[in-house]
Structures are given as C-alpha cells and as structure tokens.
Amino acid sequence: GRGEGLAQMLCTACHVVAPNQEFTPLLRTPPPSFEEIAKRPTTTQKSIIDFLKNTHWDENTIPITMPDPMLTADQRIDLARYILSKRPPK
C-alpha cells in the first residue's frame, strides 16, 4: 500500500504506474511503465533501490534522465516492492 501511494503521488507524471492511475504521463514518449520495468529479467529489489538512490537528473544532463525523487531508504524499499508486484506470476 505505501509503495502504491508513493508511486501514484510521485511517479505518475512520467510513468504509467498502474492501469487505474488518475492522469496519463506528461511526456510525449513516456519512460517504461512499472510493469515493463518489473518484467525485465535483470530487475531486482536491489537494482530498483540502487537506481532510485543514484540516478538523478540535473539541468546540465542531456538527454534528460529521471530527477532525484528524494526518497528515504524505507520509501525506496516500498517503491521497489510495489514495482516488483507488477511482475506477472510465473
């Protein structure tokens, strides 16, 4: 629940985080959906947490990448678990 709430609040401007999200992403070509990220064979809880912790955009970075979501360690874990919950069952 906490991860979904964070995703709906922070990530929907750019990503499709769930089919029922209130708004569509603002970007003409949105980044991968949470489902697409979850389906990648290399996606793990650790890889998501590391990405959220270390991948940040600033005004000098071209092409534009993901901005710093400024999450706590617990929030990164909650968001990683939510993203992985989008992985289809095997």
N, C-alpha and C. Protein backbone atom coordinates (compact mmCIF):
# COMPACT_ATOMS: atom_id res chain seq x y z
N GLY A 1 0.80 -1.20 0.00
CA GLY A 1 0.00 0.00 0.00
C GLY A 1 0.84 1.27 0.00
N ARG A 2 1.89 1.29 0.82
CA ARG A 2 2.71 2.51 0.89
C ARG A 2 3.42 2.77 -0.43
N GLY A 3 3.92 1.71 -1.07
CA GLY A 3 4.60 1.86 -2.35
C GLY A 3 3.66 2.35 -3.44
N GLU A 4 2.46 1.83 -3.44
CA GLU A 4 1.48 2.28 -4.43
C GLU A 4 1.13 3.74 -4.23
N GLY A 5 0.95 4.15 -2.98
CA GLY A 5 0.65 5.55 -2.70
C GLY A 5 1.78 6.48 -3.15
N LEU A 6 3.01 6.08 -2.89
CA LEU A 6 4.16 6.86 -3.35
C LEU A 6 4.19 6.94 -4.88
N ALA A 7 3.98 5.80 -5.51
CA ALA A 7 4.00 5.76 -6.98
C ALA A 7 2.93 6.66 -7.56
N GLN A 8 1.73 6.60 -7.01
CA GLN A 8 0.63 7.44 -7.51
C GLN A 8 0.93 8.92 -7.29
N MET A 9 1.58 9.25 -6.19
CA MET A 9 1.85 10.64 -5.86
C MET A 9 3.07 11.19 -6.61
N LEU A 10 4.14 10.39 -6.74
CA LEU A 10 5.40 10.91 -7.25
C LEU A 10 5.74 10.51 -8.69
N CYS A 11 5.24 9.39 -9.14
CA CYS A 11 5.77 8.81 -10.38
C CYS A 11 4.85 8.93 -11.58
N THR A 12 3.57 9.22 -11.35
CA THR A 12 2.61 9.22 -12.45
C THR A 12 2.79 10.38 -13.43
N ALA A 13 3.53 11.40 -13.05
CA ALA A 13 3.77 12.49 -14.00
C ALA A 13 4.54 11.99 -15.21
N CYS A 14 5.38 10.97 -15.00
CA CYS A 14 6.21 10.45 -16.10
C CYS A 14 5.91 9.00 -16.47
N HIS A 15 5.59 8.16 -15.47
CA HIS A 15 5.42 6.72 -15.69
C HIS A 15 3.95 6.30 -15.62
N VAL A 16 3.64 5.21 -16.32
CA VAL A 16 2.39 4.50 -16.06
C VAL A 16 2.72 3.55 -14.92
N VAL A 17 2.13 3.82 -13.76
CA VAL A 17 2.42 3.02 -12.58
C VAL A 17 1.33 1.98 -12.33
N ALA A 18 0.14 2.22 -12.87
CA ALA A 18 -0.99 1.31 -12.70
C ALA A 18 -2.04 1.66 -13.75
N PRO A 19 -2.82 0.67 -14.16
CA PRO A 19 -3.84 0.96 -15.17
C PRO A 19 -4.91 1.96 -14.70
N ASN A 20 -5.06 2.08 -13.39
CA ASN A 20 -6.12 2.94 -12.85
C ASN A 20 -5.62 4.31 -12.41
N GLN A 21 -4.40 4.70 -12.83
CA GLN A 21 -3.90 5.99 -12.36
C GLN A 21 -4.75 7.12 -12.93
N GLU A 22 -4.84 8.18 -12.14
CA GLU A 22 -5.75 9.28 -12.46
C GLU A 22 -5.34 10.06 -13.71
N PHE A 23 -4.04 10.27 -13.89
CA PHE A 23 -3.56 11.08 -15.01
C PHE A 23 -2.61 10.27 -15.88
N THR A 24 -2.56 10.60 -17.16
CA THR A 24 -1.59 9.97 -18.05
C THR A 24 -0.27 10.73 -17.92
N PRO A 25 0.85 10.07 -18.23
CA PRO A 25 2.14 10.74 -18.13
C PRO A 25 2.21 11.99 -19.02
N LEU A 26 2.96 12.98 -18.57
CA LEU A 26 3.10 14.24 -19.28
C LEU A 26 4.02 14.15 -20.49
N LEU A 27 4.97 13.24 -20.45
CA LEU A 27 5.96 13.15 -21.52
C LEU A 27 5.36 12.55 -22.78
N ARG A 28 5.73 13.11 -23.91
CA ARG A 28 5.23 12.61 -25.19
C ARG A 28 5.63 11.15 -25.37
N THR A 29 6.87 10.84 -25.06
CA THR A 29 7.34 9.45 -25.07
C THR A 29 7.68 9.10 -23.63
N PRO A 30 6.72 8.51 -22.92
CA PRO A 30 6.98 8.23 -21.51
C PRO A 30 8.04 7.16 -21.32
N PRO A 31 8.72 7.20 -20.17
CA PRO A 31 9.68 6.14 -19.85
C PRO A 31 8.91 4.84 -19.62
N PRO A 32 9.61 3.73 -19.42
CA PRO A 32 8.93 2.44 -19.25
C PRO A 32 7.91 2.48 -18.11
N SER A 33 6.84 1.73 -18.32
CA SER A 33 5.84 1.58 -17.26
C SER A 33 6.44 0.73 -16.15
N PHE A 34 5.81 0.76 -14.99
CA PHE A 34 6.29 -0.06 -13.88
C PHE A 34 6.18 -1.54 -14.25
N GLU A 35 5.17 -1.91 -15.02
CA GLU A 35 5.03 -3.30 -15.45
C GLU A 35 6.21 -3.70 -16.35
N GLU A 36 6.57 -2.82 -17.28
CA GLU A 36 7.71 -3.10 -18.16
C GLU A 36 9.00 -3.25 -17.34
N ILE A 37 9.20 -2.36 -16.38
CA ILE A 37 10.39 -2.44 -15.53
C ILE A 37 10.40 -3.75 -14.75
N ALA A 38 9.26 -4.13 -14.20
CA ALA A 38 9.17 -5.35 -13.40
C ALA A 38 9.44 -6.59 -14.24
N LYS A 39 9.07 -6.58 -15.51
CA LYS A 39 9.25 -7.75 -16.38
C LYS A 39 10.69 -7.98 -16.81
N ARG A 40 11.55 -6.99 -16.68
CA ARG A 40 12.94 -7.15 -17.10
C ARG A 40 13.60 -8.24 -16.27
N PRO A 41 14.31 -9.16 -16.90
CA PRO A 41 14.93 -10.24 -16.13
C PRO A 41 16.00 -9.75 -15.15
N THR A 42 16.56 -8.58 -15.40
CA THR A 42 17.61 -8.06 -14.52
C THR A 42 17.06 -7.21 -13.37
N THR A 43 15.76 -6.99 -13.36
CA THR A 43 15.17 -6.15 -12.31
C THR A 43 15.07 -6.93 -11.01
N THR A 44 15.66 -6.36 -9.98
CA THR A 44 15.58 -6.93 -8.63
C THR A 44 15.25 -5.79 -7.67
N GLN A 45 14.93 -6.14 -6.45
CA GLN A 45 14.68 -5.10 -5.46
C GLN A 45 15.92 -4.23 -5.30
N LYS A 46 17.09 -4.85 -5.26
CA LYS A 46 18.33 -4.10 -5.11
C LYS A 46 18.57 -3.19 -6.31
N SER A 47 18.33 -3.67 -7.52
CA SER A 47 18.59 -2.83 -8.70
C SER A 47 17.67 -1.61 -8.72
N ILE A 48 16.42 -1.78 -8.30
CA ILE A 48 15.49 -0.64 -8.25
C ILE A 48 15.93 0.35 -7.18
N ILE A 49 16.26 -0.15 -6.00
CA ILE A 49 16.70 0.72 -4.91
C ILE A 49 17.95 1.50 -5.32
N ASP A 50 18.91 0.81 -5.93
CA ASP A 50 20.13 1.49 -6.38
C ASP A 50 19.82 2.56 -7.42
N PHE A 51 18.93 2.25 -8.34
CA PHE A 51 18.55 3.23 -9.36
C PHE A 51 17.92 4.46 -8.71
N LEU A 52 16.97 4.23 -7.81
CA LEU A 52 16.29 5.35 -7.15
C LEU A 52 17.25 6.19 -6.30
N LYS A 53 18.27 5.55 -5.80
CA LYS A 53 19.24 6.22 -4.93
C LYS A 53 20.28 7.01 -5.73
N ASN A 54 20.64 6.51 -6.91
CA ASN A 54 21.80 7.04 -7.60
C ASN A 54 21.55 7.70 -8.95
N THR A 55 20.40 7.53 -9.53
CA THR A 55 20.16 8.07 -10.87
C THR A 55 19.38 9.37 -10.74
N HIS A 56 20.06 10.47 -11.02
CA HIS A 56 19.42 11.77 -10.85
C HIS A 56 19.74 12.68 -12.01
N TRP A 57 18.78 13.45 -12.41
CA TRP A 57 18.94 14.41 -13.48
C TRP A 57 19.26 15.78 -12.88
N ASP A 58 20.05 16.52 -13.59
CA ASP A 58 20.22 17.93 -13.25
C ASP A 58 20.11 18.72 -14.55
N GLU A 59 20.07 20.01 -14.44
CA GLU A 59 19.82 20.84 -15.62
C GLU A 59 20.92 20.76 -16.67
N ASN A 60 22.06 20.15 -16.35
CA ASN A 60 23.16 20.01 -17.30
C ASN A 60 23.18 18.66 -18.01
N THR A 61 22.35 17.73 -17.58
CA THR A 61 22.37 16.39 -18.15
C THR A 61 21.49 16.30 -19.38
N ILE A 62 22.11 15.91 -20.49
CA ILE A 62 21.38 15.69 -21.74
C ILE A 62 21.78 14.31 -22.24
N PRO A 63 20.88 13.44 -22.62
CA PRO A 63 19.44 13.64 -22.55
C PRO A 63 18.95 13.62 -21.11
N ILE A 64 17.78 14.17 -20.92
CA ILE A 64 17.18 14.25 -19.60
C ILE A 64 16.91 12.84 -19.08
N THR A 65 17.30 12.60 -17.85
CA THR A 65 17.03 11.32 -17.20
C THR A 65 16.11 11.58 -16.01
N MET A 66 15.94 10.58 -15.18
CA MET A 66 15.00 10.70 -14.07
C MET A 66 15.50 11.69 -13.01
N PRO A 67 14.62 12.59 -12.56
CA PRO A 67 15.02 13.51 -11.49
C PRO A 67 15.15 12.77 -10.16
N ASP A 68 15.82 13.38 -9.22
CA ASP A 68 16.00 12.80 -7.89
C ASP A 68 14.66 12.83 -7.16
N PRO A 69 14.08 11.66 -6.86
CA PRO A 69 12.81 11.64 -6.15
C PRO A 69 12.94 11.98 -4.67
N MET A 70 14.19 12.08 -4.17
CA MET A 70 14.45 12.44 -2.78
C MET A 70 13.67 11.56 -1.80
N LEU A 71 13.86 10.27 -1.93
CA LEU A 71 13.17 9.29 -1.10
C LEU A 71 14.03 8.85 0.06
N THR A 72 13.39 8.48 1.16
CA THR A 72 14.09 7.87 2.27
C THR A 72 14.41 6.42 1.89
N ALA A 73 15.26 5.78 2.66
CA ALA A 73 15.59 4.37 2.41
C ALA A 73 14.33 3.51 2.47
N ASP A 74 13.46 3.75 3.44
CA ASP A 74 12.22 2.97 3.56
C ASP A 74 11.30 3.21 2.36
N GLN A 75 11.24 4.44 1.88
CA GLN A 75 10.41 4.73 0.71
C GLN A 75 10.95 4.04 -0.53
N ARG A 76 12.26 3.99 -0.69
CA ARG A 76 12.85 3.27 -1.83
C ARG A 76 12.49 1.79 -1.78
N ILE A 77 12.52 1.21 -0.60
CA ILE A 77 12.13 -0.20 -0.45
C ILE A 77 10.66 -0.38 -0.79
N ASP A 78 9.80 0.49 -0.27
CA ASP A 78 8.36 0.39 -0.55
C ASP A 78 8.09 0.49 -2.05
N LEU A 79 8.75 1.43 -2.70
CA LEU A 79 8.54 1.63 -4.14
C LEU A 79 9.07 0.44 -4.93
N ALA A 80 10.23 -0.09 -4.55
CA ALA A 80 10.79 -1.27 -5.23
C ALA A 80 9.84 -2.46 -5.09
N ARG A 81 9.30 -2.66 -3.93
CA ARG A 81 8.36 -3.77 -3.72
C ARG A 81 7.10 -3.58 -4.55
N TYR A 82 6.63 -2.35 -4.65
CA TYR A 82 5.45 -2.08 -5.46
C TYR A 82 5.74 -2.37 -6.94
N ILE A 83 6.87 -1.91 -7.44
CA ILE A 83 7.23 -2.16 -8.84
C ILE A 83 7.31 -3.67 -9.09
N LEU A 84 7.96 -4.39 -8.21
CA LEU A 84 8.07 -5.84 -8.39
C LEU A 84 6.73 -6.54 -8.29
N SER A 85 5.77 -5.95 -7.62
CA SER A 85 4.43 -6.56 -7.54
C SER A 85 3.73 -6.54 -8.90
N LYS A 86 4.26 -5.74 -9.84
CA LYS A 86 3.69 -5.66 -11.19
C LYS A 86 4.20 -6.79 -12.09
N ARG A 87 5.16 -7.57 -11.59
CA ARG A 87 5.70 -8.69 -12.36
C ARG A 87 4.63 -9.78 -12.44
N PRO A 88 4.35 -10.27 -13.65
CA PRO A 88 3.36 -11.35 -13.76
C PRO A 88 3.82 -12.62 -13.05
N PRO A 89 2.90 -13.37 -12.50
CA PRO A 89 3.29 -14.62 -11.83
C PRO A 89 3.89 -15.60 -12.85
N LYS A 90 4.81 -16.43 -12.36
CA LYS A 90 5.45 -17.43 -13.25
C LYS A 90 4.61 -18.66 -13.38
